[in-house]
Structure formats: structure tokens, C-alpha cells
Amino acid sequence: DTFLKYTEEDNNAMSLVNTELMNLAMANF
């Protein structure tokens, strides 16, 4: 993961999703 570089579009899309995913996943953990 450290070595992977994403386009701006993909970065933005993943970032928004990951924020929501972690909000749900870590609270449930």
C-alpha cells in the first residue's frame, strides 16, 4: 500500500468512502 499511487479522481473517491467505512467499522469493533 505504501508504494501505490492513485490518480486524483481515484484518490478522492477512495478517501471519501474510506472515511465512512472507518466510521462504521471502528465504532463497531
PDB file of all heavy atoms in Angstrom:
ATOM      1  N   ASP A   1       0.817  -1.212   0.000  1.00  0.00           N
ATOM      2  CA  ASP A   1       0.000   0.000   0.000  1.00  0.00           C
ATOM      3  C   ASP A   1       0.851   1.264   0.000  1.00  0.00           C
ATOM      4  O   ASP A   1       0.481   2.280  -0.595  1.00  0.00           O
ATOM      5  CB  ASP A   1      -0.927  -0.012   1.223  1.00  0.00           C
ATOM      6  CG  ASP A   1      -2.282   0.584   0.896  1.00  0.00           C
ATOM      7  OD1 ASP A   1      -2.556   0.790  -0.290  1.00  0.00           O
ATOM      8  OD2 ASP A   1      -3.054   0.844   1.825  1.00  0.00           O
ATOM      9  N   THR A   2       2.004   1.199   0.668  1.00  0.00           N
ATOM     10  CA  THR A   2       2.892   2.356   0.754  1.00  0.00           C
ATOM     11  C   THR A   2       3.354   2.815  -0.618  1.00  0.00           C
ATOM     12  O   THR A   2       3.602   4.004  -0.835  1.00  0.00           O
ATOM     13  CB  THR A   2       4.134   1.997   1.600  1.00  0.00           C
ATOM     14  OG1 THR A   2       3.705   1.487   2.858  1.00  0.00           O
ATOM     15  CG2 THR A   2       5.010   3.215   1.844  1.00  0.00           C
ATOM     16  N   PHE A   3       3.472   1.883  -1.551  1.00  0.00           N
ATOM     17  CA  PHE A   3       4.066   2.183  -2.848  1.00  0.00           C
ATOM     18  C   PHE A   3       3.047   2.535  -3.934  1.00  0.00           C
ATOM     19  O   PHE A   3       3.431   2.914  -5.039  1.00  0.00           O
ATOM     20  CB  PHE A   3       4.891   0.992  -3.334  1.00  0.00           C
ATOM     21  CG  PHE A   3       6.108   0.702  -2.496  1.00  0.00           C
ATOM     22  CD1 PHE A   3       6.849  -0.445  -2.718  1.00  0.00           C
ATOM     23  CD2 PHE A   3       6.514   1.559  -1.491  1.00  0.00           C
ATOM     24  CE1 PHE A   3       7.980  -0.717  -1.954  1.00  0.00           C
ATOM     25  CE2 PHE A   3       7.635   1.299  -0.721  1.00  0.00           C
ATOM     26  CZ  PHE A   3       8.373   0.153  -0.961  1.00  0.00           C
ATOM     27  N   LEU A   4       1.767   2.383  -3.639  1.00  0.00           N
ATOM     28  CA  LEU A   4       0.757   2.610  -4.672  1.00  0.00           C
ATOM     29  C   LEU A   4       0.402   4.088  -4.779  1.00  0.00           C
ATOM     30  O   LEU A   4       0.185   4.757  -3.781  1.00  0.00           O
ATOM     31  CB  LEU A   4      -0.502   1.796  -4.367  1.00  0.00           C
ATOM     32  CG  LEU A   4      -0.327   0.282  -4.209  1.00  0.00           C
ATOM     33  CD1 LEU A   4      -1.684  -0.394  -4.004  1.00  0.00           C
ATOM     34  CD2 LEU A   4       0.393  -0.324  -5.421  1.00  0.00           C
ATOM     35  N   LYS A   5       0.362   4.588  -6.015  1.00  0.00           N
ATOM     36  CA  LYS A   5      -0.023   5.970  -6.273  1.00  0.00           C
ATOM     37  C   LYS A   5      -1.290   5.977  -7.127  1.00  0.00           C
ATOM     38  O   LYS A   5      -1.401   5.233  -8.107  1.00  0.00           O
ATOM     39  CB  LYS A   5       1.090   6.711  -7.018  1.00  0.00           C
ATOM     40  CG  LYS A   5       2.347   6.928  -6.190  1.00  0.00           C
ATOM     41  CD  LYS A   5       2.111   7.923  -5.068  1.00  0.00           C
ATOM     42  CE  LYS A   5       3.372   8.158  -4.250  1.00  0.00           C
ATOM     43  NZ  LYS A   5       3.158   9.047  -3.103  1.00  0.00           N
ATOM     44  N   TYR A   6      -2.236   6.845  -6.761  1.00  0.00           N
ATOM     45  CA  TYR A   6      -3.535   6.871  -7.412  1.00  0.00           C
ATOM     46  C   TYR A   6      -3.741   8.205  -8.138  1.00  0.00           C
ATOM     47  O   TYR A   6      -3.131   9.221  -7.790  1.00  0.00           O
ATOM     48  CB  TYR A   6      -4.647   6.694  -6.375  1.00  0.00           C
ATOM     49  CG  TYR A   6      -4.557   5.410  -5.582  1.00  0.00           C
ATOM     50  CD1 TYR A   6      -3.798   5.338  -4.414  1.00  0.00           C
ATOM     51  CD2 TYR A   6      -5.232   4.267  -5.994  1.00  0.00           C
ATOM     52  CE1 TYR A   6      -3.716   4.160  -3.679  1.00  0.00           C
ATOM     53  CE2 TYR A   6      -5.164   3.090  -5.267  1.00  0.00           C
ATOM     54  CZ  TYR A   6      -4.397   3.043  -4.110  1.00  0.00           C
ATOM     55  OH  TYR A   6      -4.313   1.883  -3.386  1.00  0.00           O
ATOM     56  N   THR A   7      -4.622   8.194  -9.121  1.00  0.00           N
ATOM     57  CA  THR A   7      -4.992   9.448  -9.763  1.00  0.00           C
ATOM     58  C   THR A   7      -5.775  10.299  -8.776  1.00  0.00           C
ATOM     59  O   THR A   7      -6.291   9.801  -7.767  1.00  0.00           O
ATOM     60  CB  THR A   7      -5.875   9.211 -10.999  1.00  0.00           C
ATOM     61  OG1 THR A   7      -7.112   8.602 -10.581  1.00  0.00           O
ATOM     62  CG2 THR A   7      -5.177   8.315 -12.017  1.00  0.00           C
ATOM     63  N   GLU A   8      -5.864  11.580  -9.068  1.00  0.00           N
ATOM     64  CA  GLU A   8      -6.608  12.487  -8.199  1.00  0.00           C
ATOM     65  C   GLU A   8      -8.059  12.034  -8.052  1.00  0.00           C
ATOM     66  O   GLU A   8      -8.621  12.030  -6.956  1.00  0.00           O
ATOM     67  CB  GLU A   8      -6.552  13.906  -8.756  1.00  0.00           C
ATOM     68  CG  GLU A   8      -7.323  14.922  -7.938  1.00  0.00           C
ATOM     69  CD  GLU A   8      -7.251  16.318  -8.529  1.00  0.00           C
ATOM     70  OE1 GLU A   8      -6.444  16.536  -9.455  1.00  0.00           O
ATOM     71  OE2 GLU A   8      -8.023  17.183  -8.079  1.00  0.00           O
ATOM     72  N   GLU A   9      -8.653  11.643  -9.160  1.00  0.00           N
ATOM     73  CA  GLU A   9     -10.056  11.213  -9.137  1.00  0.00           C
ATOM     74  C   GLU A   9     -10.245   9.987  -8.253  1.00  0.00           C
ATOM     75  O   GLU A   9     -11.154   9.942  -7.410  1.00  0.00           O
ATOM     76  CB  GLU A   9     -10.516  10.901 -10.562  1.00  0.00           C
ATOM     77  CG  GLU A   9     -11.970  10.465 -10.662  1.00  0.00           C
ATOM     78  CD  GLU A   9     -12.388  10.119 -12.087  1.00  0.00           C
ATOM     79  OE1 GLU A   9     -11.529  10.213 -12.998  1.00  0.00           O
ATOM     80  OE2 GLU A   9     -13.558   9.747 -12.286  1.00  0.00           O
ATOM     81  N   ASP A  10      -9.364   8.988  -8.424  1.00  0.00           N
ATOM     82  CA  ASP A  10      -9.482   7.767  -7.635  1.00  0.00           C
ATOM     83  C   ASP A  10      -9.148   8.024  -6.159  1.00  0.00           C
ATOM     84  O   ASP A  10      -9.765   7.454  -5.262  1.00  0.00           O
ATOM     85  CB  ASP A  10      -8.571   6.676  -8.195  1.00  0.00           C
ATOM     86  CG  ASP A  10      -9.105   6.100  -9.501  1.00  0.00           C
ATOM     87  OD1 ASP A  10     -10.322   6.222  -9.735  1.00  0.00           O
ATOM     88  OD2 ASP A  10      -8.314   5.543 -10.287  1.00  0.00           O
ATOM     89  N   ASN A  11      -8.154   8.885  -5.943  1.00  0.00           N
ATOM     90  CA  ASN A  11      -7.792   9.237  -4.569  1.00  0.00           C
ATOM     91  C   ASN A  11      -8.981   9.847  -3.833  1.00  0.00           C
ATOM     92  O   ASN A  11      -9.292   9.477  -2.700  1.00  0.00           O
ATOM     93  CB  ASN A  11      -6.638  10.244  -4.581  1.00  0.00           C
ATOM     94  CG  ASN A  11      -5.448   9.750  -3.778  1.00  0.00           C
ATOM     95  OD1 ASN A  11      -5.597   8.982  -2.841  1.00  0.00           O
ATOM     96  ND2 ASN A  11      -4.267  10.186  -4.147  1.00  0.00           N
ATOM     97  N   ASN A  12      -9.611  10.797  -4.477  1.00  0.00           N
ATOM     98  CA  ASN A  12     -10.742  11.483  -3.859  1.00  0.00           C
ATOM     99  C   ASN A  12     -11.895  10.515  -3.590  1.00  0.00           C
ATOM    100  O   ASN A  12     -12.513  10.550  -2.519  1.00  0.00           O
ATOM    101  CB  ASN A  12     -11.225  12.624  -4.758  1.00  0.00           C
ATOM    102  CG  ASN A  12     -10.242  13.773  -4.801  1.00  0.00           C
ATOM    103  OD1 ASN A  12      -9.421  13.930  -3.904  1.00  0.00           O
ATOM    104  ND2 ASN A  12     -10.302  14.577  -5.853  1.00  0.00           N
ATOM    105  N   ALA A  13     -12.162   9.669  -4.575  1.00  0.00           N
ATOM    106  CA  ALA A  13     -13.269   8.716  -4.434  1.00  0.00           C
ATOM    107  C   ALA A  13     -13.003   7.748  -3.284  1.00  0.00           C
ATOM    108  O   ALA A  13     -13.878   7.501  -2.440  1.00  0.00           O
ATOM    109  CB  ALA A  13     -13.459   7.945  -5.740  1.00  0.00           C
ATOM    110  N   MET A  14     -11.783   7.212  -3.228  1.00  0.00           N
ATOM    111  CA  MET A  14     -11.437   6.259  -2.173  1.00  0.00           C
ATOM    112  C   MET A  14     -11.430   6.916  -0.802  1.00  0.00           C
ATOM    113  O   MET A  14     -11.862   6.321   0.189  1.00  0.00           O
ATOM    114  CB  MET A  14     -10.072   5.632  -2.461  1.00  0.00           C
ATOM    115  CG  MET A  14     -10.061   4.689  -3.644  1.00  0.00           C
ATOM    116  SD  MET A  14      -8.459   3.877  -3.824  1.00  0.00           S
ATOM    117  CE  MET A  14      -8.418   2.865  -2.353  1.00  0.00           C
ATOM    118  N   SER A  15     -10.920   8.121  -0.740  1.00  0.00           N
ATOM    119  CA  SER A  15     -10.822   8.818   0.546  1.00  0.00           C
ATOM    120  C   SER A  15     -12.189   9.036   1.176  1.00  0.00           C
ATOM    121  O   SER A  15     -12.393   8.797   2.370  1.00  0.00           O
ATOM    122  CB  SER A  15     -10.112  10.158   0.358  1.00  0.00           C
ATOM    123  OG  SER A  15     -10.014  10.846   1.572  1.00  0.00           O
ATOM    124  N   LEU A  16     -13.132   9.481   0.367  1.00  0.00           N
ATOM    125  CA  LEU A  16     -14.482   9.710   0.879  1.00  0.00           C
ATOM    126  C   LEU A  16     -15.107   8.419   1.379  1.00  0.00           C
ATOM    127  O   LEU A  16     -15.728   8.378   2.450  1.00  0.00           O
ATOM    128  CB  LEU A  16     -15.360  10.326  -0.218  1.00  0.00           C
ATOM    129  CG  LEU A  16     -15.052  11.779  -0.603  1.00  0.00           C
ATOM    130  CD1 LEU A  16     -15.841  12.175  -1.843  1.00  0.00           C
ATOM    131  CD2 LEU A  16     -15.368  12.707   0.565  1.00  0.00           C
ATOM    132  N   VAL A  17     -14.937   7.353   0.617  1.00  0.00           N
ATOM    133  CA  VAL A  17     -15.501   6.061   1.007  1.00  0.00           C
ATOM    134  C   VAL A  17     -14.818   5.527   2.263  1.00  0.00           C
ATOM    135  O   VAL A  17     -15.478   5.056   3.201  1.00  0.00           O
ATOM    136  CB  VAL A  17     -15.378   5.055  -0.148  1.00  0.00           C
ATOM    137  CG1 VAL A  17     -15.736   3.640   0.325  1.00  0.00           C
ATOM    138  CG2 VAL A  17     -16.294   5.458  -1.304  1.00  0.00           C
ATOM    139  N   ASN A  18     -13.474   5.617   2.300  1.00  0.00           N
ATOM    140  CA  ASN A  18     -12.739   5.080   3.447  1.00  0.00           C
ATOM    141  C   ASN A  18     -13.105   5.786   4.752  1.00  0.00           C
ATOM    142  O   ASN A  18     -13.142   5.168   5.812  1.00  0.00           O
ATOM    143  CB  ASN A  18     -11.227   5.169   3.209  1.00  0.00           C
ATOM    144  CG  ASN A  18     -10.721   4.073   2.291  1.00  0.00           C
ATOM    145  OD1 ASN A  18     -11.297   2.995   2.223  1.00  0.00           O
ATOM    146  ND2 ASN A  18      -9.648   4.346   1.576  1.00  0.00           N
ATOM    147  N   THR A  19     -13.351   7.077   4.662  1.00  0.00           N
ATOM    148  CA  THR A  19     -13.753   7.813   5.865  1.00  0.00           C
ATOM    149  C   THR A  19     -15.039   7.242   6.441  1.00  0.00           C
ATOM    150  O   THR A  19     -15.153   6.994   7.651  1.00  0.00           O
ATOM    151  CB  THR A  19     -13.935   9.305   5.557  1.00  0.00           C
ATOM    152  OG1 THR A  19     -12.682   9.850   5.125  1.00  0.00           O
ATOM    153  CG2 THR A  19     -14.412  10.066   6.782  1.00  0.00           C
ATOM    154  N   GLU A  20     -16.013   7.016   5.571  1.00  0.00           N
ATOM    155  CA  GLU A  20     -17.287   6.442   6.030  1.00  0.00           C
ATOM    156  C   GLU A  20     -17.118   5.003   6.511  1.00  0.00           C
ATOM    157  O   GLU A  20     -17.713   4.584   7.508  1.00  0.00           O
ATOM    158  CB  GLU A  20     -18.321   6.489   4.903  1.00  0.00           C
ATOM    159  CG  GLU A  20     -18.938   7.854   4.669  1.00  0.00           C
ATOM    160  CD  GLU A  20     -20.211   7.747   3.836  1.00  0.00           C
ATOM    161  OE1 GLU A  20     -21.175   7.116   4.312  1.00  0.00           O
ATOM    162  OE2 GLU A  20     -20.215   8.286   2.721  1.00  0.00           O
ATOM    163  N   LEU A  21     -16.292   4.235   5.786  1.00  0.00           N
ATOM    164  CA  LEU A  21     -16.062   2.849   6.171  1.00  0.00           C
ATOM    165  C   LEU A  21     -15.467   2.759   7.570  1.00  0.00           C
ATOM    166  O   LEU A  21     -15.897   1.951   8.400  1.00  0.00           O
ATOM    167  CB  LEU A  21     -15.122   2.168   5.170  1.00  0.00           C
ATOM    168  CG  LEU A  21     -15.666   1.894   3.769  1.00  0.00           C
ATOM    169  CD1 LEU A  21     -14.568   1.307   2.884  1.00  0.00           C
ATOM    170  CD2 LEU A  21     -16.861   0.942   3.814  1.00  0.00           C
ATOM    171  N   MET A  22     -14.453   3.607   7.851  1.00  0.00           N
ATOM    172  CA  MET A  22     -13.800   3.557   9.156  1.00  0.00           C
ATOM    173  C   MET A  22     -14.726   4.048  10.272  1.00  0.00           C
ATOM    174  O   MET A  22     -14.685   3.533  11.383  1.00  0.00           O
ATOM    175  CB  MET A  22     -12.508   4.367   9.139  1.00  0.00           C
ATOM    176  CG  MET A  22     -11.394   3.756   8.295  1.00  0.00           C
ATOM    177  SD  MET A  22     -11.017   2.026   8.741  1.00  0.00           S
ATOM    178  CE  MET A  22     -11.941   1.134   7.483  1.00  0.00           C
ATOM    179  N   ASN A  23     -15.544   5.034   9.974  1.00  0.00           N
ATOM    180  CA  ASN A  23     -16.511   5.492  10.981  1.00  0.00           C
ATOM    181  C   ASN A  23     -17.406   4.341  11.437  1.00  0.00           C
ATOM    182  O   ASN A  23     -17.681   4.177  12.627  1.00  0.00           O
ATOM    183  CB  ASN A  23     -17.368   6.630  10.422  1.00  0.00           C
ATOM    184  CG  ASN A  23     -16.607   7.929  10.296  1.00  0.00           C
ATOM    185  OD1 ASN A  23     -15.568   8.120  10.923  1.00  0.00           O
ATOM    186  ND2 ASN A  23     -17.108   8.833   9.470  1.00  0.00           N
ATOM    187  N   LEU A  24     -17.831   3.541  10.478  1.00  0.00           N
ATOM    188  CA  LEU A  24     -18.715   2.420  10.792  1.00  0.00           C
ATOM    189  C   LEU A  24     -17.937   1.257  11.398  1.00  0.00           C
ATOM    190  O   LEU A  24     -18.323   0.710  12.441  1.00  0.00           O
ATOM    191  CB  LEU A  24     -19.428   1.956   9.516  1.00  0.00           C
ATOM    192  CG  LEU A  24     -20.353   0.735   9.647  1.00  0.00           C
ATOM    193  CD1 LEU A  24     -21.496   1.034  10.608  1.00  0.00           C
ATOM    194  CD2 LEU A  24     -20.892   0.324   8.270  1.00  0.00           C
ATOM    195  N   ALA A  25     -16.825   0.889  10.768  1.00  0.00           N
ATOM    196  CA  ALA A  25     -16.095  -0.312  11.172  1.00  0.00           C
ATOM    197  C   ALA A  25     -15.460  -0.178  12.553  1.00  0.00           C
ATOM    198  O   ALA A  25     -15.564  -1.086  13.381  1.00  0.00           O
ATOM    199  CB  ALA A  25     -15.024  -0.644  10.139  1.00  0.00           C
ATOM    200  N   MET A  26     -14.805   0.950  12.827  1.00  0.00           N
ATOM    201  CA  MET A  26     -14.086   1.080  14.096  1.00  0.00           C
ATOM    202  C   MET A  26     -15.042   1.243  15.277  1.00  0.00           C
ATOM    203  O   MET A  26     -14.785   0.749  16.370  1.00  0.00           O
ATOM    204  CB  MET A  26     -13.102   2.240  14.029  1.00  0.00           C
ATOM    205  CG  MET A  26     -12.018   2.078  12.968  1.00  0.00           C
ATOM    206  SD  MET A  26     -11.170   0.467  12.997  1.00  0.00           S
ATOM    207  CE  MET A  26     -10.335   0.531  14.577  1.00  0.00           C
ATOM    208  N   ALA A  27     -16.151   1.928  15.043  1.00  0.00           N
ATOM    209  CA  ALA A  27     -17.148   2.044  16.111  1.00  0.00           C
ATOM    210  C   ALA A  27     -17.722   0.675  16.460  1.00  0.00           C
ATOM    211  O   ALA A  27     -17.932   0.341  17.634  1.00  0.00           O
ATOM    212  CB  ALA A  27     -18.261   2.993  15.687  1.00  0.00           C
ATOM    213  N   ASN A  28     -17.961  -0.136  15.428  1.00  0.00           N
ATOM    214  CA  ASN A  28     -18.498  -1.473  15.667  1.00  0.00           C
ATOM    215  C   ASN A  28     -17.467  -2.393  16.311  1.00  0.00           C
ATOM    216  O   ASN A  28     -17.824  -3.250  17.129  1.00  0.00           O
ATOM    217  CB  ASN A  28     -19.004  -2.089  14.364  1.00  0.00           C
ATOM    218  CG  ASN A  28     -20.423  -1.667  14.047  1.00  0.00           C
ATOM    219  OD1 ASN A  28     -21.366  -2.062  14.726  1.00  0.00           O
ATOM    220  ND2 ASN A  28     -20.583  -0.843  13.030  1.00  0.00           N
ATOM    221  N   PHE A  29     -16.196  -2.222  15.966  1.00  0.00           N
ATOM    222  CA  PHE A  29     -15.162  -3.056  16.588  1.00  0.00           C
ATOM    223  C   PHE A  29     -15.181  -2.891  18.099  1.00  0.00           C
ATOM    224  O   PHE A  29     -15.254  -3.880  18.848  1.00  0.00           O
ATOM    225  CB  PHE A  29     -13.780  -2.705  16.035  1.00  0.00           C
ATOM    226  CG  PHE A  29     -12.658  -3.407  16.757  1.00  0.00           C
ATOM    227  CD1 PHE A  29     -12.418  -4.748  16.538  1.00  0.00           C
ATOM    228  CD2 PHE A  29     -11.866  -2.732  17.682  1.00  0.00           C
ATOM    229  CE1 PHE A  29     -11.392  -5.421  17.219  1.00  0.00           C
ATOM    230  CE2 PHE A  29     -10.853  -3.381  18.371  1.00  0.00           C
ATOM    231  CZ  PHE A  29     -10.609  -4.722  18.134  1.00  0.00           C
TER     232      PHE A  29
END
